[in-house]
Amino acid sequence: MNTNEKLMPNNGQAVSQLEYSRVIGCLMYAITCTRHDIAFVVGRLSRYTSNPSTQHWQAIQRVLKYLKKTMDYSLTYTGYSLVLKGYTDASCISNTEDNSSTSGWVFLFGEVAAGKEAEWLKNLVLEISLWYKPIAPISIRCDSVATLAKAYSQMYNQKSRHLGVRHSIIRELIMNGVISIKFVMSQQNLADHLTKRLARDLVTKSAKGMGIKSNQVAQC
């Protein structure tokens, strides 16, 4: 489908592929700035920028209606936290054949990325004079028991060399007090909202957990 081809949404107005791409770009900008609550759906819709269908355009319309109804929502900050928290989602390989033996090591990829991000963030916080010192290890919340066990294991007993390197990185970050990894139930994992479909109540709960609140509520 090229940029000259048209979609025909319910209102009968022709929409080009280029317009679809532009709307996706605007939504991604909103995600980057303040509206992390639409990250999952926009991420899915962005896969079809080269070949969108009427269903995809209708889905975009629903996202835009949601944003219109929640225009007063914004990111809110409540001061300087004593402990910075982060969340990682370990459900992305739930279809693997041998989840019990492999998931912990696969999830470790995500933990390493989160750990290095936490290291950068801690160095940034050190430069903020108003922040409480000394800075406690950044707490990474993970919903995988297997990941938690392997991250704190002192021994690496697998054959894969690149996983061994990642295990060493995580161990070093933990030993140096940069991060700590703690278990959290999936229902309380704020990263779930960014990686999967959730029921309406969980969407609302996750958005509030990320600091996305109505300005009207904040002023009350």
N, C-alpha and C. Protein backbone atom coordinates (compact mmCIF):
# COMPACT_ATOMS: atom_id res chain seq x y z
N MET A 1 0.85 -1.19 0.00
CA MET A 1 0.00 0.00 0.00
C MET A 1 0.89 1.24 0.00
N ASN A 2 0.77 2.11 -1.00
CA ASN A 2 1.58 3.32 -1.05
C ASN A 2 0.83 4.49 -0.44
N THR A 3 1.50 5.63 -0.40
CA THR A 3 0.92 6.79 0.27
C THR A 3 -0.26 7.38 -0.47
N ASN A 4 -0.50 6.95 -1.70
CA ASN A 4 -1.63 7.47 -2.46
C ASN A 4 -2.90 6.66 -2.24
N GLU A 5 -2.73 5.45 -1.69
CA GLU A 5 -3.90 4.62 -1.44
C GLU A 5 -4.64 5.14 -0.23
N LYS A 6 -5.95 4.88 -0.17
CA LYS A 6 -6.79 5.48 0.85
C LYS A 6 -7.45 4.43 1.73
N LEU A 7 -7.66 4.84 2.99
CA LEU A 7 -8.49 4.08 3.91
C LEU A 7 -9.85 4.77 3.97
N MET A 8 -10.86 4.00 4.25
CA MET A 8 -12.20 4.59 4.36
C MET A 8 -12.77 4.31 5.74
N PRO A 9 -12.54 5.20 6.71
CA PRO A 9 -13.10 4.99 8.04
C PRO A 9 -14.62 5.10 8.05
N ASN A 10 -15.21 4.92 9.23
CA ASN A 10 -16.66 4.88 9.34
C ASN A 10 -17.33 6.17 8.88
N ASN A 11 -16.65 7.30 9.08
CA ASN A 11 -17.28 8.57 8.71
C ASN A 11 -17.19 8.86 7.22
N GLY A 12 -16.60 7.95 6.44
CA GLY A 12 -16.55 8.10 5.01
C GLY A 12 -15.41 8.94 4.49
N GLN A 13 -14.63 9.54 5.39
CA GLN A 13 -13.51 10.38 4.98
C GLN A 13 -12.32 9.51 4.59
N ALA A 14 -11.73 9.80 3.43
CA ALA A 14 -10.58 9.03 2.98
C ALA A 14 -9.34 9.44 3.77
N VAL A 15 -8.57 8.46 4.21
CA VAL A 15 -7.36 8.71 4.98
C VAL A 15 -6.20 8.01 4.32
N SER A 16 -5.14 8.72 4.05
CA SER A 16 -4.00 8.13 3.38
C SER A 16 -3.09 7.43 4.38
N GLN A 17 -2.24 6.58 3.85
CA GLN A 17 -1.24 5.91 4.68
C GLN A 17 -0.34 6.95 5.34
N LEU A 18 -0.04 8.02 4.61
CA LEU A 18 0.80 9.08 5.16
C LEU A 18 0.15 9.72 6.37
N GLU A 19 -1.17 9.95 6.30
CA GLU A 19 -1.87 10.53 7.43
C GLU A 19 -1.86 9.57 8.62
N TYR A 20 -2.03 8.28 8.35
CA TYR A 20 -1.96 7.28 9.41
C TYR A 20 -0.61 7.37 10.11
N SER A 21 0.46 7.45 9.32
CA SER A 21 1.81 7.52 9.89
C SER A 21 2.00 8.78 10.71
N ARG A 22 1.43 9.88 10.24
CA ARG A 22 1.57 11.14 10.98
C ARG A 22 0.86 11.07 12.32
N VAL A 23 -0.33 10.47 12.34
CA VAL A 23 -1.05 10.33 13.60
C VAL A 23 -0.28 9.45 14.57
N ILE A 24 0.28 8.36 14.05
CA ILE A 24 1.10 7.48 14.90
C ILE A 24 2.28 8.26 15.48
N GLY A 25 2.91 9.09 14.64
CA GLY A 25 4.03 9.90 15.11
C GLY A 25 3.62 10.84 16.23
N CYS A 26 2.46 11.47 16.09
CA CYS A 26 1.96 12.38 17.13
C CYS A 26 1.69 11.63 18.43
N LEU A 27 1.11 10.43 18.31
CA LEU A 27 0.81 9.63 19.50
C LEU A 27 2.10 9.19 20.19
N MET A 28 3.13 8.85 19.40
CA MET A 28 4.41 8.47 19.99
C MET A 28 5.05 9.65 20.72
N TYR A 29 4.87 10.83 20.19
CA TYR A 29 5.37 12.03 20.88
C TYR A 29 4.66 12.20 22.22
N ALA A 30 3.35 11.98 22.22
CA ALA A 30 2.59 12.08 23.47
C ALA A 30 3.08 11.07 24.49
N ILE A 31 3.40 9.86 24.02
CA ILE A 31 3.92 8.81 24.91
C ILE A 31 5.23 9.26 25.54
N THR A 32 6.12 9.80 24.73
CA THR A 32 7.43 10.22 25.20
C THR A 32 7.32 11.32 26.25
N CYS A 33 6.35 12.21 26.07
CA CYS A 33 6.23 13.36 26.96
C CYS A 33 5.49 13.03 28.26
N THR A 34 4.22 12.64 28.14
CA THR A 34 3.41 12.48 29.36
C THR A 34 2.47 11.29 29.37
N ARG A 35 2.09 10.75 28.21
CA ARG A 35 1.01 9.77 28.17
C ARG A 35 1.53 8.35 27.95
N HIS A 36 2.24 7.84 28.95
CA HIS A 36 2.76 6.48 28.88
C HIS A 36 1.64 5.43 28.89
N ASP A 37 0.45 5.84 29.27
CA ASP A 37 -0.66 4.89 29.38
C ASP A 37 -1.14 4.38 28.03
N ILE A 38 -0.73 5.00 26.93
CA ILE A 38 -1.15 4.51 25.61
C ILE A 38 0.01 3.82 24.88
N ALA A 39 1.08 3.54 25.59
CA ALA A 39 2.28 2.99 24.94
C ALA A 39 2.03 1.65 24.26
N PHE A 40 1.30 0.76 24.91
CA PHE A 40 1.11 -0.58 24.35
C PHE A 40 0.30 -0.53 23.07
N VAL A 41 -0.85 0.12 23.11
CA VAL A 41 -1.72 0.12 21.94
C VAL A 41 -1.07 0.85 20.76
N VAL A 42 -0.38 1.95 21.04
CA VAL A 42 0.27 2.68 19.95
C VAL A 42 1.44 1.86 19.39
N GLY A 43 2.12 1.14 20.26
CA GLY A 43 3.19 0.28 19.80
C GLY A 43 2.69 -0.78 18.84
N ARG A 44 1.53 -1.34 19.15
CA ARG A 44 0.94 -2.35 18.28
C ARG A 44 0.49 -1.74 16.96
N LEU A 45 -0.14 -0.58 17.04
CA LEU A 45 -0.65 0.06 15.82
C LEU A 45 0.48 0.55 14.92
N SER A 46 1.62 0.89 15.51
CA SER A 46 2.74 1.39 14.72
C SER A 46 3.34 0.33 13.81
N ARG A 47 3.03 -0.94 14.06
CA ARG A 47 3.54 -2.01 13.22
C ARG A 47 2.91 -2.00 11.83
N TYR A 48 1.82 -1.28 11.70
CA TYR A 48 1.06 -1.34 10.45
C TYR A 48 1.11 -0.02 9.67
N THR A 49 2.12 0.80 9.93
CA THR A 49 2.20 2.07 9.23
C THR A 49 2.41 1.88 7.73
N SER A 50 3.03 0.77 7.33
CA SER A 50 3.27 0.54 5.90
C SER A 50 2.08 -0.11 5.21
N ASN A 51 1.15 -0.67 6.00
CA ASN A 51 0.00 -1.34 5.39
C ASN A 51 -1.20 -1.31 6.33
N PRO A 52 -1.70 -0.13 6.65
CA PRO A 52 -2.82 -0.03 7.59
C PRO A 52 -4.14 -0.43 6.94
N SER A 53 -5.04 -0.90 7.76
CA SER A 53 -6.39 -1.25 7.30
C SER A 53 -7.40 -0.35 7.99
N THR A 54 -8.66 -0.48 7.60
CA THR A 54 -9.70 0.32 8.24
C THR A 54 -9.81 0.00 9.72
N GLN A 55 -9.55 -1.26 10.09
CA GLN A 55 -9.60 -1.64 11.50
C GLN A 55 -8.53 -0.89 12.30
N HIS A 56 -7.36 -0.72 11.70
CA HIS A 56 -6.29 -0.01 12.40
C HIS A 56 -6.64 1.47 12.57
N TRP A 57 -7.25 2.04 11.54
CA TRP A 57 -7.66 3.44 11.65
C TRP A 57 -8.75 3.60 12.70
N GLN A 58 -9.66 2.67 12.76
CA GLN A 58 -10.72 2.72 13.77
C GLN A 58 -10.12 2.61 15.18
N ALA A 59 -9.08 1.81 15.31
CA ALA A 59 -8.40 1.68 16.61
C ALA A 59 -7.74 3.00 16.99
N ILE A 60 -7.14 3.68 16.02
CA ILE A 60 -6.53 4.98 16.28
C ILE A 60 -7.60 5.97 16.74
N GLN A 61 -8.77 5.90 16.12
CA GLN A 61 -9.86 6.78 16.51
C GLN A 61 -10.24 6.57 17.97
N ARG A 62 -10.23 5.34 18.41
CA ARG A 62 -10.55 5.04 19.81
C ARG A 62 -9.50 5.63 20.74
N VAL A 63 -8.22 5.53 20.33
CA VAL A 63 -7.15 6.11 21.14
C VAL A 63 -7.32 7.62 21.23
N LEU A 64 -7.63 8.25 20.12
CA LEU A 64 -7.81 9.71 20.12
C LEU A 64 -9.01 10.12 20.98
N LYS A 65 -10.08 9.33 20.94
CA LYS A 65 -11.24 9.62 21.79
C LYS A 65 -10.86 9.49 23.27
N TYR A 66 -10.05 8.48 23.58
CA TYR A 66 -9.60 8.29 24.97
C TYR A 66 -8.79 9.50 25.42
N LEU A 67 -7.88 9.96 24.56
CA LEU A 67 -7.06 11.10 24.92
C LEU A 67 -7.90 12.36 25.07
N LYS A 68 -8.91 12.50 24.24
CA LYS A 68 -9.78 13.67 24.32
C LYS A 68 -10.53 13.69 25.66
N LYS A 69 -10.97 12.52 26.09
CA LYS A 69 -11.71 12.44 27.35
C LYS A 69 -10.79 12.60 28.56
N THR A 70 -9.50 12.42 28.36
CA THR A 70 -8.55 12.50 29.48
C THR A 70 -7.51 13.60 29.23
N MET A 71 -7.96 14.69 28.61
CA MET A 71 -7.04 15.79 28.29
C MET A 71 -6.45 16.43 29.55
N ASP A 72 -7.14 16.29 30.67
CA ASP A 72 -6.65 16.90 31.90
C ASP A 72 -5.65 16.00 32.63
N TYR A 73 -5.32 14.85 32.05
CA TYR A 73 -4.35 13.95 32.66
C TYR A 73 -2.93 14.44 32.38
N SER A 74 -2.07 14.31 33.35
CA SER A 74 -0.68 14.71 33.18
C SER A 74 0.19 13.95 34.16
N LEU A 75 1.50 13.96 33.91
CA LEU A 75 2.44 13.35 34.84
C LEU A 75 2.57 14.25 36.06
N THR A 76 2.53 13.66 37.23
CA THR A 76 2.67 14.43 38.47
C THR A 76 3.85 13.91 39.27
N TYR A 77 4.51 14.82 39.94
CA TYR A 77 5.66 14.46 40.76
C TYR A 77 5.40 14.91 42.19
N THR A 78 5.76 14.08 43.13
CA THR A 78 5.41 14.35 44.53
C THR A 78 6.63 14.54 45.42
N GLY A 79 7.76 14.93 44.85
CA GLY A 79 8.93 15.17 45.67
C GLY A 79 10.05 14.20 45.37
N TYR A 80 11.03 14.17 46.25
CA TYR A 80 12.20 13.34 46.06
C TYR A 80 12.04 12.04 46.83
N SER A 81 12.03 10.94 46.12
CA SER A 81 11.84 9.63 46.75
C SER A 81 13.12 9.17 47.42
N LEU A 82 12.98 8.52 48.57
CA LEU A 82 14.15 7.96 49.26
C LEU A 82 14.71 6.78 48.48
N VAL A 83 13.82 6.04 47.83
CA VAL A 83 14.24 4.87 47.04
C VAL A 83 13.60 4.96 45.66
N LEU A 84 14.42 5.02 44.63
CA LEU A 84 13.89 5.01 43.27
C LEU A 84 13.48 3.60 42.91
N LYS A 85 12.34 3.47 42.23
CA LYS A 85 11.83 2.15 41.86
C LYS A 85 11.67 2.05 40.35
N GLY A 86 11.93 0.85 39.84
CA GLY A 86 11.70 0.56 38.43
C GLY A 86 11.02 -0.78 38.30
N TYR A 87 10.41 -1.05 37.16
CA TYR A 87 9.68 -2.30 36.96
C TYR A 87 10.08 -2.93 35.63
N THR A 88 10.20 -4.25 35.63
CA THR A 88 10.44 -4.99 34.39
C THR A 88 9.39 -6.08 34.30
N ASP A 89 8.97 -6.35 33.07
CA ASP A 89 7.94 -7.35 32.84
C ASP A 89 8.56 -8.62 32.27
N ALA A 90 8.29 -9.75 32.90
CA ALA A 90 8.89 -11.01 32.50
C ALA A 90 7.92 -11.95 31.82
N SER A 91 6.80 -11.46 31.35
CA SER A 91 5.79 -12.35 30.77
C SER A 91 5.92 -12.48 29.27
N CYS A 92 6.94 -11.86 28.68
CA CYS A 92 7.01 -11.81 27.21
C CYS A 92 7.37 -13.14 26.58
N ILE A 93 7.79 -14.16 27.34
CA ILE A 93 8.12 -15.44 26.73
C ILE A 93 7.25 -16.55 27.31
N SER A 94 6.00 -16.21 27.62
CA SER A 94 5.11 -17.17 28.25
C SER A 94 4.77 -18.35 27.35
N ASN A 95 5.12 -18.27 26.06
CA ASN A 95 4.82 -19.37 25.16
C ASN A 95 5.98 -20.33 24.94
N THR A 96 7.06 -20.15 25.66
CA THR A 96 8.20 -21.04 25.47
C THR A 96 7.86 -22.44 25.97
N GLU A 97 8.49 -23.45 25.39
CA GLU A 97 8.18 -24.84 25.72
C GLU A 97 8.70 -25.22 27.10
N ASP A 98 9.83 -24.68 27.49
CA ASP A 98 10.42 -25.06 28.77
C ASP A 98 10.66 -23.80 29.59
N ASN A 99 9.58 -23.22 30.05
CA ASN A 99 9.65 -21.94 30.75
C ASN A 99 10.46 -22.03 32.03
N SER A 100 10.36 -23.14 32.75
CA SER A 100 11.01 -23.24 34.05
C SER A 100 12.52 -23.23 33.95
N SER A 101 13.07 -23.78 32.90
CA SER A 101 14.52 -23.90 32.82
C SER A 101 15.18 -22.78 32.04
N THR A 102 14.43 -22.09 31.18
CA THR A 102 15.05 -21.08 30.34
C THR A 102 14.63 -19.66 30.66
N SER A 103 13.46 -19.49 31.26
CA SER A 103 12.92 -18.14 31.39
C SER A 103 13.83 -17.23 32.20
N GLY A 104 14.39 -17.73 33.27
CA GLY A 104 15.23 -16.89 34.11
C GLY A 104 16.38 -16.26 33.36
N TRP A 105 17.01 -17.05 32.48
CA TRP A 105 18.13 -16.51 31.72
C TRP A 105 17.68 -15.57 30.63
N VAL A 106 16.54 -15.88 29.99
CA VAL A 106 16.03 -14.98 28.96
C VAL A 106 15.62 -13.65 29.58
N PHE A 107 14.95 -13.70 30.72
CA PHE A 107 14.52 -12.48 31.38
C PHE A 107 15.72 -11.63 31.80
N LEU A 108 16.87 -12.27 31.98
CA LEU A 108 18.05 -11.57 32.44
C LEU A 108 18.48 -10.50 31.44
N PHE A 109 18.13 -10.70 30.16
CA PHE A 109 18.42 -9.69 29.16
C PHE A 109 17.77 -8.37 29.56
N GLY A 110 16.48 -8.45 29.92
CA GLY A 110 15.76 -7.26 30.32
C GLY A 110 16.30 -6.66 31.60
N GLU A 111 16.70 -7.52 32.53
CA GLU A 111 17.24 -7.03 33.79
C GLU A 111 18.55 -6.28 33.57
N VAL A 112 19.38 -6.76 32.66
CA VAL A 112 20.63 -6.07 32.38
C VAL A 112 20.36 -4.68 31.83
N ALA A 113 19.43 -4.59 30.87
CA ALA A 113 19.08 -3.29 30.30
C ALA A 113 18.55 -2.35 31.38
N ALA A 114 17.67 -2.88 32.24
CA ALA A 114 17.12 -2.06 33.32
C ALA A 114 18.21 -1.67 34.31
N GLY A 115 19.13 -2.61 34.56
CA GLY A 115 20.22 -2.34 35.49
C GLY A 115 21.14 -1.25 35.01
N LYS A 116 21.50 -1.28 33.73
CA LYS A 116 22.38 -0.25 33.17
C LYS A 116 21.67 1.10 33.13
N GLU A 117 20.37 1.08 32.87
CA GLU A 117 19.60 2.32 32.91
C GLU A 117 19.57 2.88 34.32
N ALA A 118 19.43 1.98 35.30
CA ALA A 118 19.42 2.40 36.70
C ALA A 118 20.77 2.99 37.09
N GLU A 119 21.84 2.41 36.58
CA GLU A 119 23.19 2.92 36.88
C GLU A 119 23.33 4.35 36.36
N TRP A 120 22.87 4.59 35.13
CA TRP A 120 22.92 5.94 34.56
C TRP A 120 22.07 6.89 35.38
N LEU A 121 20.88 6.43 35.79
CA LEU A 121 19.97 7.28 36.55
C LEU A 121 20.56 7.63 37.91
N LYS A 122 21.22 6.67 38.54
CA LYS A 122 21.81 6.94 39.85
C LYS A 122 22.93 7.98 39.74
N ASN A 123 23.72 7.88 38.69
CA ASN A 123 24.78 8.87 38.48
C ASN A 123 24.19 10.26 38.26
N LEU A 124 23.03 10.31 37.58
CA LEU A 124 22.36 11.59 37.37
C LEU A 124 21.86 12.15 38.68
N VAL A 125 21.25 11.30 39.50
CA VAL A 125 20.70 11.75 40.78
C VAL A 125 21.81 12.26 41.70
N LEU A 126 22.99 11.67 41.61
CA LEU A 126 24.13 12.11 42.43
C LEU A 126 24.48 13.58 42.18
N GLU A 127 24.16 14.07 40.99
CA GLU A 127 24.47 15.45 40.64
C GLU A 127 23.39 16.42 41.08
N ILE A 128 22.26 15.88 41.57
CA ILE A 128 21.17 16.74 42.04
C ILE A 128 21.38 17.04 43.52
N SER A 129 21.73 18.26 43.82
CA SER A 129 22.12 18.61 45.20
C SER A 129 20.97 18.46 46.19
N LEU A 130 19.72 18.60 45.73
CA LEU A 130 18.58 18.53 46.64
C LEU A 130 18.21 17.10 47.01
N TRP A 131 18.75 16.12 46.29
CA TRP A 131 18.37 14.73 46.55
C TRP A 131 19.07 14.23 47.81
N TYR A 132 18.34 13.38 48.56
CA TYR A 132 18.90 12.84 49.79
C TYR A 132 20.13 11.99 49.49
N LYS A 133 21.15 12.16 50.30
CA LYS A 133 22.37 11.38 50.18
C LYS A 133 22.63 10.65 51.50
N PRO A 134 23.22 9.45 51.48
CA PRO A 134 23.61 8.69 50.30
C PRO A 134 22.38 8.10 49.59
N ILE A 135 22.54 7.77 48.33
CA ILE A 135 21.43 7.25 47.54
C ILE A 135 21.34 5.74 47.70
N ALA A 136 20.16 5.29 48.07
CA ALA A 136 19.93 3.85 48.24
C ALA A 136 19.95 3.16 46.87
N PRO A 137 20.24 1.86 46.85
CA PRO A 137 20.18 1.12 45.57
C PRO A 137 18.83 1.28 44.92
N ILE A 138 18.81 1.46 43.61
CA ILE A 138 17.56 1.59 42.88
C ILE A 138 16.87 0.22 42.86
N SER A 139 15.62 0.20 43.28
CA SER A 139 14.88 -1.05 43.42
C SER A 139 14.19 -1.41 42.12
N ILE A 140 14.60 -2.52 41.49
CA ILE A 140 13.96 -3.00 40.28
C ILE A 140 12.98 -4.11 40.66
N ARG A 141 11.71 -3.91 40.37
CA ARG A 141 10.67 -4.87 40.70
C ARG A 141 10.43 -5.79 39.50
N CYS A 142 10.47 -7.08 39.75
CA CYS A 142 10.36 -8.07 38.68
C CYS A 142 9.34 -9.12 39.08
N ASP A 143 8.52 -9.59 38.12
CA ASP A 143 7.49 -10.58 38.43
C ASP A 143 7.90 -12.00 38.07
N SER A 144 9.21 -12.24 37.98
CA SER A 144 9.71 -13.58 37.68
C SER A 144 10.59 -14.08 38.82
N VAL A 145 10.13 -15.13 39.48
CA VAL A 145 10.92 -15.73 40.57
C VAL A 145 12.22 -16.31 40.01
N ALA A 146 12.15 -16.88 38.80
CA ALA A 146 13.34 -17.47 38.19
C ALA A 146 14.42 -16.43 37.94
N THR A 147 14.02 -15.26 37.46
CA THR A 147 14.97 -14.19 37.22
C THR A 147 15.62 -13.74 38.51
N LEU A 148 14.80 -13.58 39.53
CA LEU A 148 15.30 -13.12 40.82
C LEU A 148 16.34 -14.09 41.38
N ALA A 149 16.03 -15.38 41.31
CA ALA A 149 16.95 -16.39 41.83
C ALA A 149 18.27 -16.39 41.07
N LYS A 150 18.21 -16.30 39.76
CA LYS A 150 19.44 -16.34 38.96
C LYS A 150 20.26 -15.07 39.10
N ALA A 151 19.57 -13.94 39.28
CA ALA A 151 20.29 -12.67 39.43
C ALA A 151 21.12 -12.66 40.70
N TYR A 152 20.61 -13.28 41.76
CA TYR A 152 21.34 -13.30 43.03
C TYR A 152 22.21 -14.53 43.21
N SER A 153 22.18 -15.42 42.23
CA SER A 153 23.03 -16.60 42.30
C SER A 153 24.48 -16.22 42.02
N GLN A 154 25.40 -16.72 42.83
CA GLN A 154 26.81 -16.41 42.64
C GLN A 154 27.45 -17.27 41.57
N MET A 155 26.77 -18.33 41.18
CA MET A 155 27.33 -19.26 40.20
C MET A 155 26.54 -19.19 38.90
N TYR A 156 27.28 -19.23 37.79
CA TYR A 156 26.67 -19.32 36.48
C TYR A 156 26.99 -20.70 35.92
N ASN A 157 25.97 -21.53 35.77
CA ASN A 157 26.21 -22.92 35.40
C ASN A 157 25.66 -23.27 34.02
N GLN A 158 25.55 -22.28 33.15
CA GLN A 158 25.08 -22.52 31.80
C GLN A 158 26.24 -22.45 30.81
N LYS A 159 26.03 -22.93 29.58
CA LYS A 159 27.09 -22.96 28.59
C LYS A 159 27.17 -21.67 27.77
N SER A 160 26.09 -20.94 27.68
CA SER A 160 26.07 -19.74 26.84
C SER A 160 26.96 -18.65 27.43
N ARG A 161 27.96 -18.24 26.66
CA ARG A 161 28.94 -17.26 27.13
C ARG A 161 28.32 -15.87 27.29
N HIS A 162 27.49 -15.48 26.30
CA HIS A 162 26.93 -14.13 26.37
C HIS A 162 25.98 -13.96 27.54
N LEU A 163 25.29 -15.05 27.94
CA LEU A 163 24.45 -14.97 29.14
C LEU A 163 25.31 -14.88 30.38
N GLY A 164 26.46 -15.53 30.34
CA GLY A 164 27.38 -15.44 31.47
C GLY A 164 27.87 -14.02 31.68
N VAL A 165 28.11 -13.31 30.59
CA VAL A 165 28.54 -11.91 30.68
C VAL A 165 27.45 -11.07 31.31
N ARG A 166 26.21 -11.30 30.90
CA ARG A 166 25.09 -10.54 31.45
C ARG A 166 24.85 -10.86 32.91
N HIS A 167 25.05 -12.11 33.27
CA HIS A 167 24.94 -12.48 34.67
C HIS A 167 25.98 -11.74 35.50
N SER A 168 27.19 -11.62 34.97
CA SER A 168 28.27 -10.91 35.68
C SER A 168 27.93 -9.43 35.84
N ILE A 169 27.31 -8.85 34.82
CA ILE A 169 26.94 -7.43 34.89
C ILE A 169 25.93 -7.20 36.00
N ILE A 170 24.89 -8.05 36.04
CA ILE A 170 23.87 -7.93 37.07
C ILE A 170 24.48 -8.11 38.46
N ARG A 171 25.33 -9.12 38.62
CA ARG A 171 25.96 -9.37 39.91
C ARG A 171 26.79 -8.17 40.36
N GLU A 172 27.50 -7.56 39.42
CA GLU A 172 28.34 -6.41 39.74
C GLU A 172 27.49 -5.22 40.18
N LEU A 173 26.38 -4.99 39.48
CA LEU A 173 25.50 -3.88 39.83
C LEU A 173 24.89 -4.08 41.22
N ILE A 174 24.56 -5.32 41.54
CA ILE A 174 23.99 -5.62 42.86
C ILE A 174 25.05 -5.47 43.94
N MET A 175 26.23 -6.03 43.72
CA MET A 175 27.30 -5.98 44.71
C MET A 175 27.78 -4.55 44.97
N ASN A 176 27.73 -3.71 43.94
CA ASN A 176 28.17 -2.32 44.08
C ASN A 176 27.09 -1.41 44.65
N GLY A 177 25.94 -1.98 44.95
CA GLY A 177 24.87 -1.19 45.55
C GLY A 177 24.16 -0.26 44.58
N VAL A 178 24.30 -0.52 43.29
CA VAL A 178 23.62 0.30 42.30
C VAL A 178 22.14 -0.06 42.22
N ILE A 179 21.86 -1.37 42.24
CA ILE A 179 20.47 -1.83 42.15
C ILE A 179 20.21 -2.93 43.17
N SER A 180 18.96 -3.15 43.43
CA SER A 180 18.48 -4.35 44.12
C SER A 180 17.29 -4.85 43.32
N ILE A 181 17.07 -6.14 43.30
CA ILE A 181 15.96 -6.71 42.54
C ILE A 181 15.00 -7.37 43.52
N LYS A 182 13.75 -7.00 43.44
CA LYS A 182 12.73 -7.53 44.34
C LYS A 182 11.56 -8.09 43.53
N PHE A 183 10.90 -9.07 44.11
CA PHE A 183 9.76 -9.69 43.44
C PHE A 183 8.51 -8.86 43.65
N VAL A 184 7.69 -8.78 42.60
CA VAL A 184 6.40 -8.11 42.69
C VAL A 184 5.38 -8.95 41.94
N MET A 185 4.18 -9.04 42.46
CA MET A 185 3.12 -9.77 41.78
C MET A 185 2.80 -9.09 40.45
N SER A 186 2.41 -9.90 39.45
CA SER A 186 2.12 -9.34 38.13
C SER A 186 1.02 -8.28 38.19
N GLN A 187 0.05 -8.46 39.10
CA GLN A 187 -1.04 -7.50 39.21
C GLN A 187 -0.56 -6.14 39.70
N GLN A 188 0.62 -6.12 40.33
CA GLN A 188 1.17 -4.87 40.86
C GLN A 188 2.37 -4.39 40.06
N ASN A 189 2.63 -5.05 38.94
CA ASN A 189 3.77 -4.69 38.11
C ASN A 189 3.36 -3.60 37.12
N LEU A 190 3.87 -2.40 37.32
CA LEU A 190 3.47 -1.28 36.47
C LEU A 190 3.94 -1.44 35.04
N ALA A 191 4.94 -2.28 34.80
CA ALA A 191 5.42 -2.49 33.44
C ALA A 191 4.44 -3.32 32.62
N ASP A 192 3.54 -4.05 33.28
CA ASP A 192 2.55 -4.85 32.56
C ASP A 192 1.74 -3.99 31.59
N HIS A 193 1.46 -2.78 32.01
CA HIS A 193 0.64 -1.88 31.21
C HIS A 193 1.32 -1.54 29.89
N LEU A 194 2.63 -1.66 29.82
CA LEU A 194 3.38 -1.29 28.63
C LEU A 194 3.60 -2.46 27.68
N THR A 195 3.23 -3.67 28.10
CA THR A 195 3.56 -4.85 27.31
C THR A 195 2.38 -5.74 26.95
N LYS A 196 1.20 -5.46 27.49
CA LYS A 196 0.07 -6.36 27.21
C LYS A 196 -1.26 -5.64 27.39
N ARG A 197 -2.32 -6.29 26.90
CA ARG A 197 -3.67 -5.76 27.11
C ARG A 197 -4.07 -5.97 28.56
N LEU A 198 -4.75 -4.98 29.11
CA LEU A 198 -5.23 -5.08 30.48
C LEU A 198 -6.69 -4.66 30.55
N ALA A 199 -7.38 -5.15 31.57
CA ALA A 199 -8.75 -4.72 31.80
C ALA A 199 -8.76 -3.23 32.19
N ARG A 200 -9.92 -2.60 32.04
CA ARG A 200 -10.02 -1.16 32.28
C ARG A 200 -9.53 -0.76 33.67
N ASP A 201 -9.92 -1.53 34.70
CA ASP A 201 -9.53 -1.15 36.05
C ASP A 201 -8.03 -1.23 36.25
N LEU A 202 -7.38 -2.22 35.60
CA LEU A 202 -5.93 -2.34 35.72
C LEU A 202 -5.21 -1.24 34.94
N VAL A 203 -5.81 -0.82 33.83
CA VAL A 203 -5.24 0.31 33.07
C VAL A 203 -5.25 1.56 33.94
N THR A 204 -6.37 1.82 34.59
CA THR A 204 -6.49 2.99 35.46
C THR A 204 -5.51 2.91 36.62
N LYS A 205 -5.40 1.72 37.21
CA LYS A 205 -4.50 1.54 38.34
C LYS A 205 -3.04 1.73 37.93
N SER A 206 -2.68 1.18 36.77
CA SER A 206 -1.30 1.31 36.29
C SER A 206 -0.97 2.75 35.95
N ALA A 207 -1.91 3.45 35.33
CA ALA A 207 -1.68 4.85 34.99
C ALA A 207 -1.43 5.68 36.23
N LYS A 208 -2.22 5.46 37.28
CA LYS A 208 -2.01 6.19 38.53
C LYS A 208 -0.67 5.82 39.15
N GLY A 209 -0.30 4.54 39.04
CA GLY A 209 0.98 4.11 39.58
C GLY A 209 2.16 4.77 38.89
N MET A 210 1.99 5.09 37.60
CA MET A 210 3.04 5.76 36.84
C MET A 210 3.03 7.27 37.05
N GLY A 211 2.08 7.75 37.82
CA GLY A 211 2.01 9.18 38.10
C GLY A 211 1.15 9.96 37.13
N ILE A 212 0.35 9.26 36.32
CA ILE A 212 -0.54 9.93 35.37
C ILE A 212 -1.89 10.15 36.07
N LYS A 213 -2.17 11.41 36.38
CA LYS A 213 -3.37 11.72 37.14
C LYS A 213 -4.10 12.90 36.54
N SER A 214 -5.36 13.00 36.88
CA SER A 214 -6.16 14.13 36.43
C SER A 214 -5.76 15.38 37.21
N ASN A 215 -5.61 16.50 36.51
CA ASN A 215 -5.28 17.75 37.18
C ASN A 215 -6.38 18.16 38.15
N GLN A 216 -7.62 17.80 37.83
CA GLN A 216 -8.72 18.15 38.71
C GLN A 216 -8.61 17.42 40.04
N VAL A 217 -8.19 16.13 39.96
CA VAL A 217 -7.99 15.36 41.20
C VAL A 217 -6.83 15.92 41.99
N ALA A 218 -5.76 16.27 41.28
CA ALA A 218 -4.56 16.77 41.95
C ALA A 218 -4.82 18.07 42.69
N GLN A 219 -5.78 18.88 42.18
CA GLN A 219 -6.06 20.17 42.79
C GLN A 219 -7.01 20.03 43.98
N CYS A 220 -7.68 18.90 44.10
CA CYS A 220 -8.64 18.72 45.19
C CYS A 220 -7.94 18.48 46.51
